[in-house]
C-alpha atoms as a PDB file:
ATOM      1  CA  MET A   1      -0.014   0.000  -0.029  1.00  0.00           C
ATOM      2  CA  LEU A   2       1.252   3.393  -0.955  1.00  0.00           C
ATOM      3  CA  THR A   3       0.191   6.209   1.447  1.00  0.00           C
ATOM      4  CA  VAL A   4       0.093   9.801   0.137  1.00  0.00           C
ATOM      5  CA  THR A   5      -0.494  12.756   2.377  1.00  0.00           C
ATOM      6  CA  PHE A   6      -2.842  14.889   0.341  1.00  0.00           C
ATOM      7  CA  ARG A   7      -3.372  18.629   0.513  1.00  0.00           C
ATOM      8  CA  THR A   8      -5.440  20.752  -1.879  1.00  0.00           C
ATOM      9  CA  PRO A   9      -3.246  21.696  -4.813  1.00  0.00           C
ATOM     10  CA  GLY A  10      -2.807  25.445  -5.199  1.00  0.00           C
ATOM     11  CA  SER A  11      -3.738  25.274  -8.846  1.00  0.00           C
ATOM     12  CA  SER A  12      -4.779  22.818 -11.549  1.00  0.00           C
ATOM     13  CA  GLU A  13      -1.254  22.901 -13.041  1.00  0.00           C
ATOM     14  CA  GLU A  14       0.130  20.890 -10.069  1.00  0.00           C
ATOM     15  CA  ILE A  15      -2.235  17.935 -10.658  1.00  0.00           C
ATOM     16  CA  PRO A  16      -0.378  16.319 -13.672  1.00  0.00           C
ATOM     17  CA  GLU A  17       2.812  16.234 -11.593  1.00  0.00           C
ATOM     18  CA  LEU A  18       0.982  14.531  -8.716  1.00  0.00           C
ATOM     19  CA  CYS A  19      -0.455  11.922 -11.073  1.00  0.00           C
ATOM     20  CA  ALA A  20       2.947  11.374 -12.785  1.00  0.00           C
ATOM     21  CA  ASP A  21       4.647  10.797  -9.479  1.00  0.00           C
ATOM     22  CA  ALA A  22       2.022   8.239  -8.464  1.00  0.00           C
ATOM     23  CA  ALA A  23       2.332   6.543 -11.811  1.00  0.00           C
ATOM     24  CA  ASP A  24       6.116   6.287 -11.431  1.00  0.00           C
ATOM     25  CA  VAL A  25       5.727   4.612  -8.018  1.00  0.00           C
ATOM     26  CA  LEU A  26       3.007   2.254  -9.258  1.00  0.00           C
ATOM     27  CA  ALA A  27       4.985   1.291 -12.386  1.00  0.00           C
ATOM     28  CA  PHE A  28       7.962  -0.039 -10.383  1.00  0.00           C
ATOM     29  CA  THR A  29       6.264  -1.572  -7.359  1.00  0.00           C
ATOM     30  CA  ALA A  30       3.620  -4.160  -6.593  1.00  0.00           C
ATOM     31  CA  VAL A  31       1.433  -1.573  -4.891  1.00  0.00           C
ATOM     32  CA  ARG A  32      -2.209  -1.965  -5.758  1.00  0.00           C
ATOM     33  CA  ILE A  33      -3.787   0.456  -3.219  1.00  0.00           C
ATOM     34  CA  VAL A  34      -2.983   4.186  -3.109  1.00  0.00           C
ATOM     35  CA  ARG A  35      -4.190   5.394   0.229  1.00  0.00           C
ATOM     36  CA  CYS A  36      -4.620   9.158   0.282  1.00  0.00           C
ATOM     37  CA  ASP A  37      -4.572  10.754   3.739  1.00  0.00           C
ATOM     38  CA  VAL A  38      -6.855  13.694   3.138  1.00  0.00           C
ATOM     39  CA  GLY A  39      -7.119  14.761   6.779  1.00  0.00           C
ATOM     40  CA  ALA A  40      -5.554  18.159   5.995  1.00  0.00           C
ATOM     41  CA  VAL A  41      -8.308  18.939   3.414  1.00  0.00           C
ATOM     42  CA  THR A  42     -10.955  20.814   5.428  1.00  0.00           C
ATOM     43  CA  GLU A  43     -12.566  22.861   2.680  1.00  0.00           C
ATOM     44  CA  PRO A  44     -12.527  20.747  -0.554  1.00  0.00           C
ATOM     45  CA  ASP A  45     -13.159  22.542  -3.847  1.00  0.00           C
ATOM     46  CA  ALA A  46     -13.228  21.811  -7.584  1.00  0.00           C
ATOM     47  CA  ILE A  47      -9.420  21.585  -7.662  1.00  0.00           C
ATOM     48  CA  THR A  48      -9.504  18.965  -4.885  1.00  0.00           C
ATOM     49  CA  LEU A  49     -12.079  16.917  -6.769  1.00  0.00           C
ATOM     50  CA  ASP A  50     -10.142  17.215  -9.996  1.00  0.00           C
ATOM     51  CA  ALA A  51      -6.981  16.017  -8.312  1.00  0.00           C
ATOM     52  CA  VAL A  52      -8.690  13.076  -6.631  1.00  0.00           C
ATOM     53  CA  ALA A  53     -10.449  12.074  -9.848  1.00  0.00           C
ATOM     54  CA  ARG A  54      -7.298  12.246 -11.968  1.00  0.00           C
ATOM     55  CA  LEU A  55      -5.306  10.370  -9.374  1.00  0.00           C
ATOM     56  CA  ALA A  56      -8.000   7.586  -9.338  1.00  0.00           C
ATOM     57  CA  LEU A  57      -7.901   7.430 -13.149  1.00  0.00           C
ATOM     58  CA  GLU A  58      -4.113   7.142 -13.181  1.00  0.00           C
ATOM     59  CA  ALA A  59      -4.165   4.467 -10.473  1.00  0.00           C
ATOM     60  CA  ARG A  60      -6.811   2.481 -12.379  1.00  0.00           C
ATOM     61  CA  ARG A  61      -4.669   2.680 -15.578  1.00  0.00           C
ATOM     62  CA  MET A  62      -1.818   1.164 -13.513  1.00  0.00           C
ATOM     63  CA  GLY A  63      -3.985  -1.608 -12.036  1.00  0.00           C
ATOM     64  CA  ALA A  64      -4.433   0.005  -8.628  1.00  0.00           C
ATOM     65  CA  ARG A  65      -7.185   1.756  -6.776  1.00  0.00           C
ATOM     66  CA  VAL A  66      -7.434   4.918  -4.667  1.00  0.00           C
ATOM     67  CA  GLU A  67      -8.767   4.984  -1.114  1.00  0.00           C
ATOM     68  CA  LEU A  68      -9.359   8.336   0.665  1.00  0.00           C
ATOM     69  CA  PHE A  69      -8.630   8.134   4.358  1.00  0.00           C
ATOM     70  CA  ASP A  70      -9.694  10.579   7.070  1.00  0.00           C
ATOM     71  CA  ALA A  71     -12.051  12.389   4.706  1.00  0.00           C
ATOM     72  CA  CYS A  72     -14.194  15.242   6.075  1.00  0.00           C
ATOM     73  CA  PRO A  73     -17.957  15.053   5.494  1.00  0.00           C
ATOM     74  CA  SER A  74     -17.873  17.740   2.787  1.00  0.00           C
ATOM     75  CA  LEU A  75     -15.287  15.784   0.816  1.00  0.00           C
ATOM     76  CA  VAL A  76     -17.350  12.678   1.096  1.00  0.00           C
ATOM     77  CA  ASP A  77     -20.393  14.657  -0.218  1.00  0.00           C
ATOM     78  CA  ILE A  78     -18.458  16.026  -3.126  1.00  0.00           C
ATOM     79  CA  VAL A  79     -17.112  12.586  -4.203  1.00  0.00           C
ATOM     80  CA  GLU A  80     -20.636  11.173  -4.035  1.00  0.00           C
ATOM     81  CA  LEU A  81     -22.193  14.082  -5.950  1.00  0.00           C
ATOM     82  CA  ALA A  82     -19.582  13.737  -8.655  1.00  0.00           C
ATOM     83  CA  GLY A  83     -20.499  10.037  -9.075  1.00  0.00           C
ATOM     84  CA  LEU A  84     -17.115   8.806  -7.938  1.00  0.00           C
ATOM     85  CA  ALA A  85     -18.218   6.829  -4.903  1.00  0.00           C
ATOM     86  CA  ASP A  86     -18.126   3.563  -6.874  1.00  0.00           C
ATOM     87  CA  VAL A  87     -14.548   4.226  -8.030  1.00  0.00           C
ATOM     88  CA  ILE A  88     -12.981   5.739  -4.954  1.00  0.00           C
ATOM     89  CA  ALA A  89     -13.248   4.100  -1.548  1.00  0.00           C
ATOM     90  CA  VAL A  90     -13.827   6.741   1.185  1.00  0.00           C
ATOM     91  CA  ARG A  91     -13.030   6.347   4.904  1.00  0.00           C
ATOM     92  CA  THR A  92     -14.467   9.070   7.105  1.00  0.00           C
ATOM     93  CA  ARG A  93     -12.791  10.781  10.103  1.00  0.00           C
ATOM     94  CA  SER A  94     -14.623   8.786  12.829  1.00  0.00           C
ATOM     95  CA  GLY A  95     -12.350   5.780  12.409  1.00  0.00           C
ATOM     96  CA  VAL A  96     -14.897   3.697  14.242  1.00  0.00           C
ATOM     97  CA  GLU A  97     -16.383   0.822  12.332  1.00  0.00           C
ATOM     98  CA  MET A  98     -19.763  -0.290  13.435  1.00  0.00           C
ATOM     99  CA  GLY A  99     -20.538  -3.976  13.377  1.00  0.00           C
ATOM    100  CA  ARG A 100     -18.250  -6.832  12.871  1.00  0.00           C
ATOM    101  CA  GLU A 101     -17.987 -10.063  10.982  1.00  0.00           C
ATOM    102  CA  PRO A 102     -19.128 -13.185  12.780  1.00  0.00           C
ATOM    103  CA  GLU A 103     -16.434 -15.655  13.683  1.00  0.00           C
ATOM    104  CA  GLN A 104     -16.314 -19.071  12.084  1.00  0.00           C
ATOM    105  CA  ARG A 105     -19.407 -21.151  13.069  1.00  0.00           C
ATOM    106  CA  GLU A 106     -20.912 -18.190  14.856  1.00  0.00           C
ATOM    107  CA  GLN A 107     -24.391 -17.009  13.755  1.00  0.00           C
ATOM    108  CA  ARG A 108     -24.977 -13.484  12.639  1.00  0.00           C
ATOM    109  CA  VAL A 109     -26.810 -11.395  15.171  1.00  0.00           C
ATOM    110  CA  GLY A 110     -30.569 -11.400  14.454  1.00  0.00           C
ATOM    111  CA  VAL A 111     -30.513 -14.660  12.548  1.00  0.00           C
ATOM    112  CA  GLU A 112     -32.863 -17.255  13.979  1.00  0.00           C
ATOM    113  CA  GLU A 113     -33.571 -20.725  12.819  1.00  0.00           C
ATOM    114  CA  GLU A 114     -37.100 -21.482  11.850  1.00  0.00           C
ATOM    115  CA  VAL A 115     -38.533 -24.736  13.144  1.00  0.00           C
ATOM    116  CA  GLU A 116     -41.517 -26.512  11.648  1.00  0.00           C
ATOM    117  CA  LEU A 117     -44.006 -27.902  14.108  1.00  0.00           C
ATOM    118  CA  ASP A 118     -43.655 -31.343  12.462  1.00  0.00           C
ATOM    119  CA  ASP A 119     -39.946 -31.341  13.392  1.00  0.00           C
ATOM    120  CA  LEU A 120     -40.386 -31.147  17.060  1.00  0.00           C
ATOM    121  CA  ALA A 121     -39.323 -34.199  19.048  1.00  0.00           C
ATOM    122  CA  PRO A 122     -42.034 -35.883  21.122  1.00  0.00           C
END
């Protein structure tokens, strides 16, 4: 996994360099997940969305995927509104994951077996 600390680029001209740098790393490594730490992005704008979208496109071309980590709610909203939620995995700032996977041979919570009256032992 490649972790990139992401800040909003000052201008659109910086985005191709960001994508080229990521492509260089992906070309020479077995990295398949580019994890972008976007915790410093508090007020995302069109340039932020453009950078994230281009980085995701470049990663997909190289056989990898982008995951945004520590995303603020407004960045999550922008990614969803742009239709990129299916392409870019987004992890919010809470860090708390609700729920868990059942262990082997453990039933899921809320799952009950149905019993037919004919099956009851005398």
